Amino acid sequence: MAPYEKLHVWRECHELALAVYRVTKSFPTEERYGLTSQIRRAAFSAAVNIVEGSARRSRKEFRRFLDISLSSLTEVGYALRFCREAELLPDEDWTALNDRQCRARFLTWQLYRALAR
């Protein structure tokens, strides 16, 4: 098992990325290179920055990658809101994804703060 796989925060971000991929499969094809691509890249970025940061040699470097992950999670949050308001995302899917995104962001923020000590 890779070190990042032991992190609850990574598992939450990973599950968010998978859920975003599943839900965006139903988006209109004209959004394939627009909104679909953007939200998928942001969700993937949140998880992959935790992976990359966990391999760094110092807490300071890891925190820098967690900061990037937090930014990506915030981007996912806005993209989900936009998709909901643009009627691309049913309320049920939005609620599930938004809850997962909020949990992922909270856990990432908690780890970011813990590494500052």
N, C-alpha and C. Protein backbone atom coordinates (compact mmCIF):
# COMPACT_ATOMS: atom_id res chain seq x y z
N MET A 1 0.85 -1.18 0.00
CA MET A 1 0.00 0.00 0.00
C MET A 1 0.89 1.25 0.00
N ALA A 2 0.63 2.15 -0.92
CA ALA A 2 1.38 3.40 -0.98
C ALA A 2 1.01 4.27 0.22
N PRO A 3 1.93 5.10 0.71
CA PRO A 3 1.66 5.92 1.89
C PRO A 3 0.39 6.77 1.79
N TYR A 4 0.14 7.35 0.63
CA TYR A 4 -1.05 8.19 0.48
C TYR A 4 -2.34 7.41 0.67
N GLU A 5 -2.32 6.11 0.37
CA GLU A 5 -3.53 5.30 0.49
C GLU A 5 -3.99 5.14 1.94
N LYS A 6 -3.11 5.44 2.87
CA LYS A 6 -3.45 5.38 4.30
C LYS A 6 -4.16 6.64 4.76
N LEU A 7 -4.15 7.68 3.94
CA LEU A 7 -4.73 8.97 4.32
C LEU A 7 -6.23 8.99 4.01
N HIS A 8 -7.02 9.23 5.05
CA HIS A 8 -8.48 9.33 4.87
C HIS A 8 -8.82 10.46 3.89
N VAL A 9 -8.08 11.54 3.96
CA VAL A 9 -8.33 12.68 3.08
C VAL A 9 -8.15 12.28 1.62
N TRP A 10 -7.14 11.48 1.33
CA TRP A 10 -6.95 11.04 -0.05
C TRP A 10 -8.12 10.17 -0.50
N ARG A 11 -8.55 9.23 0.35
CA ARG A 11 -9.67 8.36 -0.02
C ARG A 11 -10.92 9.17 -0.34
N GLU A 12 -11.16 10.21 0.45
CA GLU A 12 -12.34 11.06 0.21
C GLU A 12 -12.22 11.81 -1.12
N CYS A 13 -11.05 12.35 -1.40
CA CYS A 13 -10.83 13.05 -2.68
C CYS A 13 -10.91 12.08 -3.86
N HIS A 14 -10.37 10.89 -3.68
CA HIS A 14 -10.41 9.87 -4.72
C HIS A 14 -11.86 9.49 -5.04
N GLU A 15 -12.66 9.28 -4.01
CA GLU A 15 -14.07 8.93 -4.21
C GLU A 15 -14.83 10.08 -4.87
N LEU A 16 -14.49 11.31 -4.52
CA LEU A 16 -15.11 12.47 -5.16
C LEU A 16 -14.78 12.47 -6.65
N ALA A 17 -13.53 12.24 -7.00
CA ALA A 17 -13.13 12.24 -8.41
C ALA A 17 -13.87 11.15 -9.18
N LEU A 18 -13.97 9.97 -8.59
CA LEU A 18 -14.70 8.89 -9.25
C LEU A 18 -16.18 9.24 -9.43
N ALA A 19 -16.77 9.84 -8.41
CA ALA A 19 -18.19 10.21 -8.48
C ALA A 19 -18.41 11.29 -9.54
N VAL A 20 -17.50 12.25 -9.62
CA VAL A 20 -17.60 13.30 -10.64
C VAL A 20 -17.52 12.67 -12.03
N TYR A 21 -16.62 11.75 -12.23
CA TYR A 21 -16.50 11.06 -13.53
C TYR A 21 -17.79 10.34 -13.89
N ARG A 22 -18.37 9.64 -12.91
CA ARG A 22 -19.62 8.90 -13.18
C ARG A 22 -20.76 9.84 -13.56
N VAL A 23 -20.94 10.89 -12.80
CA VAL A 23 -22.06 11.80 -13.02
C VAL A 23 -21.91 12.58 -14.32
N THR A 24 -20.69 12.99 -14.65
CA THR A 24 -20.50 13.80 -15.85
C THR A 24 -20.61 13.00 -17.14
N LYS A 25 -20.68 11.69 -17.05
CA LYS A 25 -20.90 10.88 -18.25
C LYS A 25 -22.24 11.20 -18.91
N SER A 26 -23.18 11.70 -18.11
CA SER A 26 -24.51 12.02 -18.64
C SER A 26 -24.62 13.47 -19.13
N PHE A 27 -23.54 14.25 -19.02
CA PHE A 27 -23.59 15.64 -19.48
C PHE A 27 -23.70 15.66 -21.01
N PRO A 28 -24.24 16.73 -21.54
CA PRO A 28 -24.36 16.84 -23.00
C PRO A 28 -23.00 16.74 -23.69
N THR A 29 -22.99 16.16 -24.87
CA THR A 29 -21.72 15.99 -25.58
C THR A 29 -21.06 17.32 -25.92
N GLU A 30 -21.84 18.36 -26.08
CA GLU A 30 -21.23 19.66 -26.38
C GLU A 30 -20.44 20.22 -25.20
N GLU A 31 -20.60 19.62 -24.03
CA GLU A 31 -19.83 20.02 -22.85
C GLU A 31 -18.58 19.18 -22.64
N ARG A 32 -18.33 18.20 -23.52
CA ARG A 32 -17.21 17.28 -23.35
C ARG A 32 -15.88 18.02 -23.15
N TYR A 33 -15.62 19.04 -23.94
CA TYR A 33 -14.34 19.75 -23.85
C TYR A 33 -14.45 21.04 -23.05
N GLY A 34 -15.61 21.27 -22.48
CA GLY A 34 -15.82 22.45 -21.66
C GLY A 34 -15.99 22.08 -20.20
N LEU A 35 -17.22 22.15 -19.77
CA LEU A 35 -17.54 21.94 -18.36
C LEU A 35 -17.18 20.53 -17.87
N THR A 36 -17.46 19.52 -18.66
CA THR A 36 -17.14 18.15 -18.26
C THR A 36 -15.65 18.00 -18.00
N SER A 37 -14.85 18.47 -18.93
CA SER A 37 -13.41 18.38 -18.78
C SER A 37 -12.92 19.19 -17.58
N GLN A 38 -13.45 20.38 -17.40
CA GLN A 38 -13.01 21.26 -16.32
C GLN A 38 -13.27 20.66 -14.94
N ILE A 39 -14.47 20.18 -14.71
CA ILE A 39 -14.80 19.64 -13.39
C ILE A 39 -14.05 18.33 -13.14
N ARG A 40 -13.87 17.53 -14.16
CA ARG A 40 -13.12 16.28 -14.00
C ARG A 40 -11.66 16.57 -13.65
N ARG A 41 -11.05 17.52 -14.34
CA ARG A 41 -9.65 17.85 -14.08
C ARG A 41 -9.48 18.41 -12.67
N ALA A 42 -10.43 19.24 -12.22
CA ALA A 42 -10.34 19.82 -10.89
C ALA A 42 -10.49 18.74 -9.81
N ALA A 43 -11.42 17.82 -10.00
CA ALA A 43 -11.61 16.74 -9.03
C ALA A 43 -10.39 15.83 -8.98
N PHE A 44 -9.86 15.49 -10.14
CA PHE A 44 -8.66 14.65 -10.20
C PHE A 44 -7.48 15.37 -9.55
N SER A 45 -7.36 16.66 -9.81
CA SER A 45 -6.27 17.45 -9.25
C SER A 45 -6.28 17.44 -7.72
N ALA A 46 -7.46 17.49 -7.13
CA ALA A 46 -7.54 17.47 -5.67
C ALA A 46 -6.90 16.21 -5.10
N ALA A 47 -7.21 15.07 -5.70
CA ALA A 47 -6.65 13.80 -5.22
C ALA A 47 -5.18 13.66 -5.57
N VAL A 48 -4.82 14.00 -6.79
CA VAL A 48 -3.44 13.77 -7.24
C VAL A 48 -2.45 14.69 -6.53
N ASN A 49 -2.88 15.86 -6.10
CA ASN A 49 -1.97 16.73 -5.35
C ASN A 49 -1.69 16.19 -3.96
N ILE A 50 -2.65 15.47 -3.38
CA ILE A 50 -2.40 14.81 -2.11
C ILE A 50 -1.39 13.68 -2.31
N VAL A 51 -1.55 12.94 -3.39
CA VAL A 51 -0.61 11.86 -3.71
C VAL A 51 0.80 12.42 -3.86
N GLU A 52 0.92 13.45 -4.68
CA GLU A 52 2.23 14.02 -4.94
C GLU A 52 2.83 14.66 -3.70
N GLY A 53 2.01 15.40 -2.96
CA GLY A 53 2.50 16.06 -1.76
C GLY A 53 2.95 15.09 -0.69
N SER A 54 2.26 13.96 -0.58
CA SER A 54 2.64 12.98 0.45
C SER A 54 4.00 12.35 0.17
N ALA A 55 4.46 12.44 -1.07
CA ALA A 55 5.76 11.89 -1.42
C ALA A 55 6.90 12.89 -1.20
N ARG A 56 6.56 14.10 -0.83
CA ARG A 56 7.59 15.12 -0.61
C ARG A 56 8.31 14.89 0.71
N ARG A 57 9.45 15.50 0.84
CA ARG A 57 10.31 15.23 2.00
C ARG A 57 10.04 16.11 3.20
N SER A 58 9.28 17.17 3.04
CA SER A 58 9.06 18.04 4.20
C SER A 58 7.58 18.36 4.35
N ARG A 59 7.23 18.72 5.56
CA ARG A 59 5.85 19.13 5.83
C ARG A 59 5.48 20.38 5.03
N LYS A 60 6.44 21.28 4.92
CA LYS A 60 6.19 22.52 4.19
C LYS A 60 5.81 22.23 2.74
N GLU A 61 6.55 21.33 2.12
CA GLU A 61 6.23 20.97 0.73
C GLU A 61 4.87 20.29 0.63
N PHE A 62 4.59 19.38 1.56
CA PHE A 62 3.30 18.70 1.57
C PHE A 62 2.18 19.71 1.71
N ARG A 63 2.36 20.68 2.60
CA ARG A 63 1.33 21.71 2.80
C ARG A 63 1.09 22.50 1.50
N ARG A 64 2.12 22.74 0.74
CA ARG A 64 1.96 23.47 -0.52
C ARG A 64 1.05 22.70 -1.47
N PHE A 65 1.21 21.38 -1.53
CA PHE A 65 0.35 20.57 -2.38
C PHE A 65 -1.07 20.47 -1.82
N LEU A 66 -1.20 20.47 -0.50
CA LEU A 66 -2.53 20.48 0.10
C LEU A 66 -3.24 21.79 -0.22
N ASP A 67 -2.49 22.88 -0.27
CA ASP A 67 -3.06 24.17 -0.62
C ASP A 67 -3.61 24.14 -2.05
N ILE A 68 -2.88 23.52 -2.95
CA ILE A 68 -3.35 23.38 -4.33
C ILE A 68 -4.60 22.50 -4.36
N SER A 69 -4.58 21.43 -3.57
CA SER A 69 -5.75 20.55 -3.49
C SER A 69 -6.97 21.31 -3.00
N LEU A 70 -6.79 22.15 -2.00
CA LEU A 70 -7.91 22.97 -1.48
C LEU A 70 -8.47 23.88 -2.57
N SER A 71 -7.59 24.46 -3.35
CA SER A 71 -8.05 25.32 -4.45
C SER A 71 -8.85 24.51 -5.47
N SER A 72 -8.38 23.33 -5.79
CA SER A 72 -9.09 22.47 -6.74
C SER A 72 -10.45 22.06 -6.18
N LEU A 73 -10.52 21.76 -4.90
CA LEU A 73 -11.80 21.38 -4.29
C LEU A 73 -12.79 22.55 -4.31
N THR A 74 -12.29 23.75 -4.12
CA THR A 74 -13.15 24.93 -4.20
C THR A 74 -13.66 25.11 -5.63
N GLU A 75 -12.80 24.85 -6.60
CA GLU A 75 -13.21 24.91 -8.00
C GLU A 75 -14.30 23.87 -8.28
N VAL A 76 -14.13 22.66 -7.77
CA VAL A 76 -15.15 21.63 -7.93
C VAL A 76 -16.47 22.09 -7.33
N GLY A 77 -16.41 22.69 -6.16
CA GLY A 77 -17.63 23.19 -5.50
C GLY A 77 -18.38 24.19 -6.37
N TYR A 78 -17.65 25.13 -6.94
CA TYR A 78 -18.32 26.11 -7.81
C TYR A 78 -18.85 25.43 -9.08
N ALA A 79 -18.07 24.54 -9.66
CA ALA A 79 -18.52 23.86 -10.88
C ALA A 79 -19.80 23.06 -10.62
N LEU A 80 -19.87 22.42 -9.47
CA LEU A 80 -21.09 21.68 -9.12
C LEU A 80 -22.28 22.62 -9.00
N ARG A 81 -22.05 23.76 -8.35
CA ARG A 81 -23.13 24.75 -8.22
C ARG A 81 -23.59 25.23 -9.59
N PHE A 82 -22.62 25.53 -10.45
CA PHE A 82 -22.95 26.00 -11.79
C PHE A 82 -23.76 24.94 -12.54
N CYS A 83 -23.30 23.70 -12.46
CA CYS A 83 -23.99 22.60 -13.15
C CYS A 83 -25.43 22.44 -12.65
N ARG A 84 -25.60 22.60 -11.37
CA ARG A 84 -26.95 22.50 -10.80
C ARG A 84 -27.83 23.63 -11.32
N GLU A 85 -27.32 24.85 -11.26
CA GLU A 85 -28.11 26.01 -11.67
C GLU A 85 -28.33 26.05 -13.18
N ALA A 86 -27.43 25.44 -13.94
CA ALA A 86 -27.58 25.34 -15.39
C ALA A 86 -28.44 24.14 -15.79
N GLU A 87 -28.94 23.45 -14.78
CA GLU A 87 -29.83 22.29 -14.95
C GLU A 87 -29.15 21.13 -15.68
N LEU A 88 -27.86 20.98 -15.44
CA LEU A 88 -27.12 19.83 -15.97
C LEU A 88 -27.00 18.74 -14.92
N LEU A 89 -27.27 19.10 -13.69
CA LEU A 89 -27.08 18.19 -12.57
C LEU A 89 -28.35 18.16 -11.72
N PRO A 90 -29.00 17.01 -11.63
CA PRO A 90 -30.21 16.91 -10.80
C PRO A 90 -29.88 17.20 -9.33
N ASP A 91 -30.86 17.70 -8.60
CA ASP A 91 -30.66 18.05 -7.20
C ASP A 91 -30.09 16.89 -6.37
N GLU A 92 -30.56 15.70 -6.63
CA GLU A 92 -30.09 14.53 -5.88
C GLU A 92 -28.59 14.29 -6.08
N ASP A 93 -28.15 14.38 -7.33
CA ASP A 93 -26.72 14.21 -7.62
C ASP A 93 -25.91 15.36 -7.03
N TRP A 94 -26.46 16.57 -7.15
CA TRP A 94 -25.76 17.73 -6.60
C TRP A 94 -25.56 17.58 -5.10
N THR A 95 -26.60 17.18 -4.40
CA THR A 95 -26.51 17.05 -2.95
C THR A 95 -25.43 16.04 -2.57
N ALA A 96 -25.43 14.89 -3.21
CA ALA A 96 -24.44 13.85 -2.89
C ALA A 96 -23.02 14.32 -3.20
N LEU A 97 -22.83 14.92 -4.36
CA LEU A 97 -21.49 15.39 -4.75
C LEU A 97 -21.04 16.56 -3.89
N ASN A 98 -21.94 17.48 -3.62
CA ASN A 98 -21.59 18.64 -2.81
C ASN A 98 -21.21 18.21 -1.40
N ASP A 99 -21.94 17.27 -0.82
CA ASP A 99 -21.59 16.77 0.51
C ASP A 99 -20.21 16.13 0.50
N ARG A 100 -19.93 15.35 -0.50
CA ARG A 100 -18.62 14.70 -0.60
C ARG A 100 -17.51 15.74 -0.79
N GLN A 101 -17.77 16.74 -1.61
CA GLN A 101 -16.78 17.80 -1.83
C GLN A 101 -16.53 18.56 -0.53
N CYS A 102 -17.57 18.86 0.21
CA CYS A 102 -17.40 19.57 1.49
C CYS A 102 -16.59 18.74 2.48
N ARG A 103 -16.85 17.44 2.55
CA ARG A 103 -16.08 16.56 3.44
C ARG A 103 -14.62 16.52 3.02
N ALA A 104 -14.39 16.39 1.73
CA ALA A 104 -13.01 16.34 1.23
C ALA A 104 -12.28 17.64 1.54
N ARG A 105 -12.95 18.75 1.35
CA ARG A 105 -12.32 20.05 1.62
C ARG A 105 -12.03 20.21 3.11
N PHE A 106 -12.97 19.79 3.96
CA PHE A 106 -12.79 19.87 5.40
C PHE A 106 -11.59 19.03 5.85
N LEU A 107 -11.52 17.80 5.37
CA LEU A 107 -10.42 16.91 5.75
C LEU A 107 -9.07 17.43 5.24
N THR A 108 -9.07 17.96 4.04
CA THR A 108 -7.84 18.53 3.49
C THR A 108 -7.39 19.72 4.33
N TRP A 109 -8.33 20.56 4.70
CA TRP A 109 -8.02 21.73 5.53
C TRP A 109 -7.49 21.28 6.90
N GLN A 110 -8.09 20.24 7.48
CA GLN A 110 -7.64 19.74 8.78
C GLN A 110 -6.20 19.22 8.69
N LEU A 111 -5.87 18.50 7.63
CA LEU A 111 -4.51 18.00 7.47
C LEU A 111 -3.56 19.16 7.23
N TYR A 112 -3.96 20.12 6.44
CA TYR A 112 -3.14 21.31 6.18
C TYR A 112 -2.79 22.00 7.50
N ARG A 113 -3.79 22.20 8.35
CA ARG A 113 -3.58 22.85 9.65
C ARG A 113 -2.69 22.00 10.55
N ALA A 114 -2.91 20.68 10.55
CA ALA A 114 -2.13 19.80 11.41
C ALA A 114 -0.65 19.82 11.04
N LEU A 115 -0.36 19.93 9.76
CA LEU A 115 1.04 19.95 9.31
C LEU A 115 1.74 21.26 9.65
N ALA A 116 0.99 22.28 10.04
CA ALA A 116 1.58 23.56 10.39
C ALA A 116 2.15 23.51 11.80
N ARG A 117 1.71 22.55 12.59
CA ARG A 117 2.15 22.48 14.01
C ARG A 117 3.51 21.86 14.14
